[in-house]
Amino acid sequence: MTALKKKSETCEEQLRRMCKEIAEEITEGKTQEYIDQPKIELTADKFMEGVYSIEWITHQDHSYKSARLMVAGGGPSIWVNLQRDVVQGYWWGDYCEHHFSDQIGLDDYCEEIHGCK
């Protein structure tokens, strides 16, 4: 009797799963650090600890309009686009996006830190 092999995820499937998980975390306001533990409250400042880069989107006078937050890079590149409320994922030729509702105040947080620059 042979054991059934679990089909591994393709790069595109993995990218879609990662983007969906990030969008759900922002929408639910909860994150799960380890699979076997319950989800905990996610705040904007906690989320920002995992951000690699911020791409500022400004008005002509350089006042804050919005931002894109890079949350993954090197394999897939994943950005949280606060202007469109969408998580955007890129990996080789694959692209996906998942919409979210900013329930943790990321846009307000970014507007506040942009004013400190």
N, C-alpha and C. Protein backbone atom coordinates (compact mmCIF):
# COMPACT_ATOMS: atom_id res chain seq x y z
N MET A 1 0.84 -1.18 0.00
CA MET A 1 0.00 0.00 0.00
C MET A 1 0.89 1.24 0.00
N THR A 2 0.64 2.15 -0.89
CA THR A 2 1.45 3.36 -0.99
C THR A 2 0.72 4.53 -0.35
N ALA A 3 1.50 5.39 0.26
CA ALA A 3 0.93 6.59 0.87
C ALA A 3 0.66 7.62 -0.21
N LEU A 4 -0.42 8.34 -0.06
CA LEU A 4 -0.74 9.40 -1.01
C LEU A 4 0.17 10.59 -0.76
N LYS A 5 0.75 11.10 -1.81
CA LYS A 5 1.59 12.28 -1.68
C LYS A 5 0.73 13.53 -1.75
N LYS A 6 1.00 14.43 -0.83
CA LYS A 6 0.29 15.71 -0.85
C LYS A 6 0.91 16.57 -1.95
N LYS A 7 0.07 17.09 -2.80
CA LYS A 7 0.53 17.96 -3.88
C LYS A 7 1.07 19.25 -3.27
N SER A 8 2.28 19.60 -3.61
CA SER A 8 2.86 20.85 -3.08
C SER A 8 2.27 22.05 -3.83
N GLU A 9 2.28 23.17 -3.14
CA GLU A 9 1.75 24.40 -3.73
C GLU A 9 2.66 24.89 -4.85
N THR A 10 2.05 25.42 -5.88
CA THR A 10 2.83 26.09 -6.91
C THR A 10 3.20 27.47 -6.37
N CYS A 11 4.12 28.14 -7.03
CA CYS A 11 4.50 29.49 -6.62
C CYS A 11 3.29 30.42 -6.65
N GLU A 12 2.47 30.28 -7.67
CA GLU A 12 1.28 31.13 -7.78
C GLU A 12 0.30 30.86 -6.64
N GLU A 13 0.08 29.60 -6.29
CA GLU A 13 -0.83 29.26 -5.19
C GLU A 13 -0.29 29.78 -3.86
N GLN A 14 1.01 29.66 -3.66
CA GLN A 14 1.63 30.15 -2.43
C GLN A 14 1.49 31.67 -2.34
N LEU A 15 1.72 32.36 -3.45
CA LEU A 15 1.58 33.81 -3.48
C LEU A 15 0.15 34.23 -3.13
N ARG A 16 -0.83 33.57 -3.74
CA ARG A 16 -2.24 33.89 -3.46
C ARG A 16 -2.59 33.64 -2.00
N ARG A 17 -2.09 32.55 -1.44
CA ARG A 17 -2.36 32.23 -0.03
C ARG A 17 -1.75 33.29 0.89
N MET A 18 -0.51 33.68 0.61
CA MET A 18 0.17 34.67 1.45
C MET A 18 -0.56 36.02 1.41
N CYS A 19 -0.94 36.47 0.22
CA CYS A 19 -1.64 37.75 0.08
C CYS A 19 -3.00 37.71 0.78
N LYS A 20 -3.70 36.60 0.63
CA LYS A 20 -5.01 36.46 1.27
C LYS A 20 -4.87 36.49 2.79
N GLU A 21 -3.86 35.82 3.35
CA GLU A 21 -3.64 35.80 4.79
C GLU A 21 -3.35 37.20 5.34
N ILE A 22 -2.53 37.96 4.62
CA ILE A 22 -2.21 39.32 5.05
C ILE A 22 -3.46 40.20 5.02
N ALA A 23 -4.24 40.10 3.93
CA ALA A 23 -5.48 40.88 3.80
C ALA A 23 -6.45 40.53 4.92
N GLU A 24 -6.56 39.25 5.26
CA GLU A 24 -7.47 38.82 6.33
C GLU A 24 -7.00 39.34 7.69
N GLU A 25 -5.69 39.34 7.93
CA GLU A 25 -5.17 39.85 9.19
C GLU A 25 -5.54 41.32 9.38
N ILE A 26 -5.38 42.12 8.34
CA ILE A 26 -5.68 43.55 8.42
C ILE A 26 -7.18 43.77 8.61
N THR A 27 -7.99 42.98 7.91
CA THR A 27 -9.45 43.10 7.99
C THR A 27 -9.98 42.63 9.34
N GLU A 28 -9.46 41.51 9.84
CA GLU A 28 -9.93 40.95 11.11
C GLU A 28 -9.31 41.65 12.32
N GLY A 29 -8.16 42.29 12.11
CA GLY A 29 -7.45 42.91 13.23
C GLY A 29 -6.84 41.89 14.15
N LYS A 30 -6.55 40.71 13.61
CA LYS A 30 -5.96 39.63 14.40
C LYS A 30 -4.87 38.93 13.59
N THR A 31 -3.87 38.43 14.30
CA THR A 31 -2.79 37.70 13.65
C THR A 31 -2.48 36.44 14.44
N GLN A 32 -1.84 35.51 13.78
CA GLN A 32 -1.47 34.25 14.42
C GLN A 32 0.02 34.04 14.21
N GLU A 33 0.79 34.13 15.29
CA GLU A 33 2.24 34.00 15.18
C GLU A 33 2.65 32.55 14.95
N TYR A 34 1.95 31.62 15.58
CA TYR A 34 2.26 30.20 15.43
C TYR A 34 0.97 29.45 15.14
N ILE A 35 1.05 28.45 14.29
CA ILE A 35 -0.13 27.72 13.84
C ILE A 35 -0.93 27.13 14.99
N ASP A 36 -0.27 26.62 16.01
CA ASP A 36 -0.97 25.94 17.10
C ASP A 36 -1.43 26.88 18.22
N GLN A 37 -1.34 28.19 17.99
CA GLN A 37 -1.76 29.15 19.01
C GLN A 37 -2.95 29.96 18.50
N PRO A 38 -3.77 30.47 19.42
CA PRO A 38 -4.91 31.29 19.00
C PRO A 38 -4.45 32.63 18.42
N LYS A 39 -5.32 33.24 17.65
CA LYS A 39 -5.00 34.55 17.07
C LYS A 39 -5.01 35.61 18.16
N ILE A 40 -4.12 36.59 17.99
CA ILE A 40 -4.02 37.68 18.94
C ILE A 40 -4.34 38.99 18.24
N GLU A 41 -4.66 40.02 19.01
CA GLU A 41 -5.01 41.33 18.45
C GLU A 41 -3.83 41.91 17.69
N LEU A 42 -4.12 42.44 16.53
CA LEU A 42 -3.09 43.07 15.69
C LEU A 42 -3.33 44.58 15.70
N THR A 43 -2.29 45.34 16.00
CA THR A 43 -2.37 46.79 15.98
C THR A 43 -1.50 47.31 14.84
N ALA A 44 -1.69 48.57 14.47
CA ALA A 44 -0.90 49.15 13.39
C ALA A 44 0.58 49.16 13.73
N ASP A 45 0.92 49.54 14.97
CA ASP A 45 2.34 49.59 15.32
C ASP A 45 2.96 48.20 15.33
N LYS A 46 2.21 47.19 15.73
CA LYS A 46 2.71 45.80 15.68
C LYS A 46 2.90 45.36 14.24
N PHE A 47 1.95 45.69 13.36
CA PHE A 47 2.05 45.33 11.95
C PHE A 47 3.28 46.00 11.32
N MET A 48 3.50 47.27 11.67
CA MET A 48 4.60 48.03 11.07
C MET A 48 5.98 47.47 11.44
N GLU A 49 6.07 46.69 12.51
CA GLU A 49 7.34 46.06 12.88
C GLU A 49 7.84 45.12 11.79
N GLY A 50 6.92 44.57 10.99
CA GLY A 50 7.30 43.65 9.93
C GLY A 50 7.42 44.28 8.56
N VAL A 51 7.35 45.60 8.48
CA VAL A 51 7.41 46.30 7.20
C VAL A 51 8.86 46.58 6.84
N TYR A 52 9.26 46.16 5.63
CA TYR A 52 10.64 46.36 5.15
C TYR A 52 10.86 47.74 4.57
N SER A 53 9.84 48.27 3.90
CA SER A 53 10.01 49.55 3.21
C SER A 53 8.66 50.24 3.09
N ILE A 54 8.70 51.58 3.08
CA ILE A 54 7.49 52.37 2.88
C ILE A 54 7.67 53.20 1.62
N GLU A 55 6.71 53.10 0.72
CA GLU A 55 6.68 53.94 -0.47
C GLU A 55 5.60 54.98 -0.24
N TRP A 56 6.01 56.22 -0.08
CA TRP A 56 5.06 57.29 0.23
C TRP A 56 4.36 57.76 -1.03
N ILE A 57 3.08 58.01 -0.92
CA ILE A 57 2.28 58.59 -2.00
C ILE A 57 1.82 59.94 -1.46
N THR A 58 2.26 61.02 -2.11
CA THR A 58 1.99 62.36 -1.59
C THR A 58 1.28 63.24 -2.61
N HIS A 59 0.68 64.30 -2.09
CA HIS A 59 0.10 65.33 -2.94
C HIS A 59 1.26 66.19 -3.48
N GLN A 60 0.95 67.11 -4.37
CA GLN A 60 1.97 67.95 -4.98
C GLN A 60 2.73 68.76 -3.93
N ASP A 61 2.08 69.13 -2.84
CA ASP A 61 2.76 69.89 -1.79
C ASP A 61 3.51 68.99 -0.80
N HIS A 62 3.62 67.70 -1.12
CA HIS A 62 4.33 66.69 -0.32
C HIS A 62 3.60 66.30 0.96
N SER A 63 2.35 66.71 1.09
CA SER A 63 1.57 66.25 2.24
C SER A 63 1.11 64.82 1.97
N TYR A 64 0.84 64.10 3.04
CA TYR A 64 0.49 62.68 2.96
C TYR A 64 -0.80 62.45 2.17
N LYS A 65 -0.76 61.50 1.27
CA LYS A 65 -1.95 61.05 0.57
C LYS A 65 -2.20 59.58 0.91
N SER A 66 -1.16 58.76 0.83
CA SER A 66 -1.29 57.34 1.12
C SER A 66 0.10 56.72 1.15
N ALA A 67 0.15 55.38 1.24
CA ALA A 67 1.44 54.70 1.26
C ALA A 67 1.28 53.27 0.77
N ARG A 68 2.41 52.70 0.35
CA ARG A 68 2.49 51.27 0.05
C ARG A 68 3.55 50.71 0.99
N LEU A 69 3.23 49.59 1.63
CA LEU A 69 4.10 48.99 2.63
C LEU A 69 4.62 47.66 2.12
N MET A 70 5.94 47.51 2.01
CA MET A 70 6.51 46.24 1.58
C MET A 70 6.62 45.31 2.78
N VAL A 71 5.90 44.19 2.70
CA VAL A 71 5.88 43.25 3.82
C VAL A 71 6.59 41.94 3.50
N ALA A 72 6.98 41.75 2.25
CA ALA A 72 7.76 40.57 1.85
C ALA A 72 8.58 40.93 0.63
N GLY A 73 9.77 40.38 0.57
CA GLY A 73 10.64 40.63 -0.58
C GLY A 73 11.69 39.54 -0.66
N GLY A 74 12.29 39.40 -1.80
CA GLY A 74 13.34 38.42 -1.98
C GLY A 74 12.85 37.14 -2.63
N GLY A 75 11.70 36.67 -2.28
CA GLY A 75 11.02 35.55 -2.95
C GLY A 75 9.87 36.23 -3.63
N PRO A 76 8.70 36.12 -3.03
CA PRO A 76 7.64 36.98 -3.53
C PRO A 76 7.84 38.38 -2.99
N SER A 77 7.40 39.37 -3.73
CA SER A 77 7.33 40.75 -3.24
C SER A 77 5.87 41.02 -2.95
N ILE A 78 5.59 41.42 -1.71
CA ILE A 78 4.20 41.67 -1.33
C ILE A 78 4.12 43.07 -0.73
N TRP A 79 3.18 43.86 -1.25
CA TRP A 79 2.96 45.23 -0.83
C TRP A 79 1.53 45.39 -0.32
N VAL A 80 1.36 46.13 0.75
CA VAL A 80 0.05 46.53 1.24
C VAL A 80 -0.18 47.94 0.71
N ASN A 81 -1.11 48.08 -0.21
CA ASN A 81 -1.40 49.35 -0.86
C ASN A 81 -2.56 50.01 -0.13
N LEU A 82 -2.25 51.04 0.65
CA LEU A 82 -3.27 51.72 1.45
C LEU A 82 -4.13 52.67 0.63
N GLN A 83 -3.68 53.03 -0.55
CA GLN A 83 -4.48 53.91 -1.40
C GLN A 83 -5.66 53.14 -2.00
N ARG A 84 -5.43 51.88 -2.34
CA ARG A 84 -6.47 51.06 -2.95
C ARG A 84 -7.05 50.02 -2.00
N ASP A 85 -6.52 49.93 -0.77
CA ASP A 85 -6.93 48.89 0.20
C ASP A 85 -6.83 47.50 -0.41
N VAL A 86 -5.63 47.20 -0.90
CA VAL A 86 -5.39 45.91 -1.54
C VAL A 86 -3.98 45.43 -1.21
N VAL A 87 -3.84 44.12 -1.01
CA VAL A 87 -2.53 43.50 -0.85
C VAL A 87 -2.14 43.02 -2.24
N GLN A 88 -0.96 43.47 -2.70
CA GLN A 88 -0.49 43.14 -4.05
C GLN A 88 0.71 42.22 -3.95
N GLY A 89 0.66 41.09 -4.66
CA GLY A 89 1.76 40.14 -4.63
C GLY A 89 2.34 39.91 -6.01
N TYR A 90 3.68 39.87 -6.06
CA TYR A 90 4.40 39.64 -7.31
C TYR A 90 5.41 38.52 -7.08
N TRP A 91 5.46 37.57 -7.99
CA TRP A 91 6.47 36.51 -7.90
C TRP A 91 6.73 36.01 -9.30
N TRP A 92 7.91 36.26 -9.79
CA TRP A 92 8.26 36.01 -11.19
C TRP A 92 7.21 36.66 -12.07
N GLY A 93 6.50 35.90 -12.87
CA GLY A 93 5.48 36.48 -13.75
C GLY A 93 4.09 36.48 -13.15
N ASP A 94 3.96 35.98 -11.93
CA ASP A 94 2.64 35.89 -11.30
C ASP A 94 2.31 37.18 -10.55
N TYR A 95 1.03 37.51 -10.54
CA TYR A 95 0.54 38.67 -9.82
C TYR A 95 -0.83 38.32 -9.22
N CYS A 96 -1.07 38.78 -8.03
CA CYS A 96 -2.40 38.64 -7.45
C CYS A 96 -2.66 39.80 -6.51
N GLU A 97 -3.91 39.99 -6.18
CA GLU A 97 -4.26 41.00 -5.20
C GLU A 97 -5.50 40.56 -4.43
N HIS A 98 -5.54 40.97 -3.17
CA HIS A 98 -6.68 40.70 -2.29
C HIS A 98 -7.05 42.00 -1.58
N HIS A 99 -8.32 42.32 -1.60
CA HIS A 99 -8.80 43.53 -0.96
C HIS A 99 -8.92 43.33 0.55
N PHE A 100 -8.81 44.41 1.28
CA PHE A 100 -8.96 44.37 2.73
C PHE A 100 -9.68 45.61 3.21
N SER A 101 -10.12 45.56 4.45
CA SER A 101 -10.71 46.71 5.13
C SER A 101 -9.75 47.04 6.28
N ASP A 102 -9.23 48.24 6.29
CA ASP A 102 -8.21 48.63 7.27
C ASP A 102 -8.82 48.79 8.66
N GLN A 103 -8.89 47.68 9.39
CA GLN A 103 -9.48 47.67 10.72
C GLN A 103 -8.46 47.93 11.82
N ILE A 104 -7.18 48.10 11.44
CA ILE A 104 -6.15 48.33 12.46
C ILE A 104 -5.57 49.74 12.41
N GLY A 105 -6.07 50.57 11.50
CA GLY A 105 -5.64 51.96 11.43
C GLY A 105 -4.28 52.17 10.79
N LEU A 106 -3.93 51.35 9.80
CA LEU A 106 -2.64 51.49 9.13
C LEU A 106 -2.50 52.84 8.42
N ASP A 107 -3.56 53.27 7.74
CA ASP A 107 -3.47 54.53 7.00
C ASP A 107 -3.29 55.70 7.96
N ASP A 108 -4.02 55.71 9.05
CA ASP A 108 -3.87 56.78 10.06
C ASP A 108 -2.46 56.76 10.65
N TYR A 109 -1.96 55.57 10.93
CA TYR A 109 -0.62 55.41 11.50
C TYR A 109 0.43 55.98 10.53
N CYS A 110 0.31 55.63 9.25
CA CYS A 110 1.27 56.12 8.25
C CYS A 110 1.19 57.63 8.08
N GLU A 111 -0.03 58.16 8.11
CA GLU A 111 -0.18 59.62 8.02
C GLU A 111 0.53 60.30 9.19
N GLU A 112 0.41 59.71 10.36
CA GLU A 112 1.04 60.29 11.56
C GLU A 112 2.56 60.23 11.46
N ILE A 113 3.12 59.11 11.05
CA ILE A 113 4.59 59.03 10.99
C ILE A 113 5.15 59.81 9.82
N HIS A 114 4.36 60.00 8.75
CA HIS A 114 4.83 60.82 7.63
C HIS A 114 5.03 62.26 8.07
N GLY A 115 4.17 62.75 8.93
CA GLY A 115 4.28 64.11 9.43
C GLY A 115 5.49 64.34 10.31
N CYS A 116 6.11 63.26 10.79
CA CYS A 116 7.28 63.36 11.67
C CYS A 116 8.57 63.47 10.87
N LYS A 117 8.50 63.34 9.58
CA LYS A 117 9.73 63.33 8.76
C LYS A 117 10.20 64.73 8.46
